[in-house]
Protein backbone atom coordinates (compact mmCIF):
# COMPACT_ATOMS: atom_id res chain seq x y z
CA UNK A 1 0.00 0.00 0.00
CA UNK A 2 2.93 2.36 0.64
CA UNK A 3 3.97 2.00 -3.00
CA UNK A 4 0.52 3.14 -4.13
CA UNK A 5 0.61 6.17 -1.82
CA UNK A 6 4.11 7.11 -3.00
CA UNK A 7 3.27 6.83 -6.71
CA UNK A 8 -0.26 8.23 -6.54
CA UNK A 9 -1.31 11.28 -8.54
CA UNK A 10 -3.32 12.59 -5.58
CA UNK A 11 -3.50 11.60 -1.90
CA UNK A 12 -5.72 13.18 0.75
CA UNK A 13 -5.17 11.49 4.09
CA UNK A 14 -7.66 13.76 5.84
CA UNK A 15 -10.59 12.65 3.65
CA UNK A 16 -9.26 9.22 2.73
CA UNK A 17 -9.01 9.60 -1.06
CA UNK A 18 -6.27 8.34 -3.39
CA UNK A 19 -5.97 8.71 -7.18
CA UNK A 20 -3.60 6.08 -8.53
CA UNK A 21 -3.19 5.75 -12.29
CA UNK A 22 -6.79 5.34 -13.57
CA UNK A 23 -8.31 4.38 -10.24
CA UNK A 24 -10.01 6.05 -7.31
CA UNK A 25 -9.06 4.27 -4.09
CA UNK A 26 -10.95 4.86 -0.84
CA UNK A 27 -9.26 2.90 1.95
CA UNK A 28 -11.70 4.22 4.59
CA UNK A 29 -13.90 1.47 6.04
CA UNK A 30 -14.00 -1.27 3.46
CA UNK A 31 -11.22 -0.86 0.89
CA UNK A 32 -12.85 0.24 -2.40
CA UNK A 33 -11.40 0.78 -5.87
CA UNK A 34 -13.12 2.26 -8.94
CA UNK A 35 -11.79 2.40 -12.51
CA UNK A 36 -12.36 6.05 -13.42
CA UNK A 37 -12.21 5.30 -17.16
CA UNK A 38 -15.77 3.98 -16.71
CA UNK A 39 -17.05 7.09 -14.89
CA UNK A 40 -19.20 9.75 -16.54
CA UNK A 41 -19.91 12.01 -13.56
CA UNK A 42 -18.52 12.45 -10.04
CA UNK A 43 -20.03 14.54 -7.27
CA UNK A 44 -19.97 15.02 -3.51
CA UNK A 45 -23.12 14.15 -1.56
CA UNK A 46 -23.68 15.20 2.05
CA UNK A 47 -26.24 13.33 4.12
CA UNK A 48 -27.50 15.20 7.19
CA UNK A 49 -28.61 13.01 10.06
CA UNK A 50 -31.43 14.68 11.97
CA UNK A 51 -33.14 14.11 15.26
CA UNK A 52 -36.15 16.22 16.20
CA UNK A 53 -35.53 18.64 13.30
CA UNK A 54 -31.94 19.25 14.46
CA UNK A 55 -28.87 18.08 12.55
CA UNK A 56 -26.93 15.75 14.81
CA UNK A 57 -24.36 14.50 12.30
CA UNK A 58 -23.21 14.48 8.71
CA UNK A 59 -21.72 11.89 6.43
CA UNK A 60 -20.10 12.44 3.05
CA UNK A 61 -20.01 10.30 -0.05
CA UNK A 62 -18.42 10.54 -3.46
CA UNK A 63 -21.00 9.40 -6.00
CA UNK A 64 -19.84 8.06 -9.35
CA UNK A 65 -22.30 7.67 -12.22
CA UNK A 66 -21.66 5.45 -15.22
CA UNK A 67 -23.66 3.95 -18.07
CA UNK A 68 -21.33 0.94 -18.24
CA UNK A 69 -23.45 -1.57 -16.31
CA UNK A 70 -21.06 -4.38 -17.23
CA UNK A 71 -18.50 -2.88 -14.83
CA UNK A 72 -20.64 -1.87 -11.87
CA UNK A 73 -24.01 -0.40 -11.07
CA UNK A 74 -25.01 2.86 -12.70
CA UNK A 75 -24.50 4.67 -9.39
CA UNK A 76 -21.65 3.77 -7.03
CA UNK A 77 -21.04 5.54 -3.72
CA UNK A 78 -17.88 5.76 -1.66
CA UNK A 79 -18.07 6.90 1.95
CA UNK A 80 -15.36 9.44 2.69
CA UNK A 81 -14.44 11.14 5.93
CA UNK A 82 -16.60 14.17 6.74
CA UNK A 83 -14.69 16.92 8.53
CA UNK A 84 -17.60 19.31 8.88
CA UNK A 85 -18.52 22.23 6.68
CA UNK A 86 -15.01 22.35 5.21
CA UNK A 87 -15.37 18.94 3.53
CA UNK A 88 -16.56 20.41 0.24
CA UNK A 89 -13.72 22.95 0.24
CA UNK A 90 -11.18 20.21 0.96
CA UNK A 91 -12.49 18.24 -2.04
CA UNK A 92 -11.81 21.05 -4.52
CA UNK A 93 -8.13 20.08 -5.12
CA UNK A 94 -9.31 16.49 -5.75
CA UNK A 95 -11.89 17.69 -8.28
CA UNK A 96 -9.25 19.87 -9.97
CA UNK A 97 -6.82 16.94 -10.36
CA UNK A 98 -9.70 14.75 -11.54
CA UNK A 99 -10.65 17.32 -14.20
CA UNK A 100 -7.03 17.48 -15.40
CA UNK A 101 -6.49 13.71 -15.51
CA UNK A 102 -9.97 12.81 -16.82
CA UNK A 103 -11.37 15.74 -18.84
CA UNK A 104 -14.36 13.68 -20.05
CA UNK A 105 -15.73 13.19 -16.53
CA UNK A 106 -18.40 15.72 -15.58
CA UNK A 107 -18.08 17.13 -12.09
CA UNK A 108 -20.94 18.13 -9.80
CA UNK A 109 -24.57 17.14 -9.41
CA UNK A 110 -27.12 18.02 -12.06
CA UNK A 111 -30.83 17.42 -11.68
CA UNK A 112 -32.34 15.60 -14.62
CA UNK A 113 -34.71 17.78 -16.57
CA UNK A 114 -37.63 15.48 -17.24
CA UNK A 115 -40.75 16.99 -18.77
CA UNK A 116 -43.72 17.23 -16.43
CA UNK A 117 -46.11 15.80 -19.03
C-alpha cells in the first residue's frame, strides 16, 4: 500500500481519497477501488442526520455515475471522511486533479430535466 501512496497522482489522508493511475481508491472502512475510465460524472453528496428537526451529524459520499453496467451499477457511492462544513472545500483540489487527468468526466450534481407531461 505504501507504493501506491508514494506513486499516486493525488493523496488526501484527511478525507481518505487516493488517485492512482486510472483508479479512485478509498481505503476508509472497506477498501474500495473504482476504474475512473468507466465514470461519466462524479459529485460530492452530504447526508445530514437529523433528530427532532436538528442536525446531529453528517456523512459524506463521493458518488460516481456510469452507463457501463457491465462494470458496476449505474451509481456507485464511496463513503469518505466528513470533517464538517469544510469537507466540500477540501475536495476542490481532488476535483481539480480529476478534471485534469480525466477531462471527459463531468463534475458536480445536475438534476435531470424530465418533462412534467
